């Protein structure tokens, strides 16, 4: 799958009163962890997710340059989150989440498109998608297009 970041940027449909900002301090990084932690309910995993982002929030921000986290605000409340992993040749999109009460309103799709077209990405021309769920999400409103078929072979 491939995508043209410039084309996607011009097609992002943000729900009214919805903004996306990069987590830039300890408080917003903890908010990011709280959104992800809610996905796991009251489980042990939820505790570990929140604890992880609590620890991350204590690091100097320059250490997070390769892992920017983003929060989606609707009417002043955090309703969604997403993150990138950025290196010299690859940009990965991770942990797109929308709080349960706010799903099916376009916040997740807006976050996905925003992250895919983020001007901070080191890859300017195209992006690749190997994950079938992201590809199927994007097919609702196409932003990723097939360019080839990849087969996986295993030996036992």
Foldseek 3Di string as FASTA:
>chain_A
DKFFLVVLVVVQDDDPQKDKDWPDALVSLLVQLQQLLVVVPPDPVSVVSSVVSNVVRPDPVVVCLQKIKMFMDHPRHTFWIWIWGADQPAIDIDDTGGPPVPPPPCPSVSVVSCSLNPPSHNDNGMHDDDDPVVCVVCVVPPRDDDDDDDDDDDDD
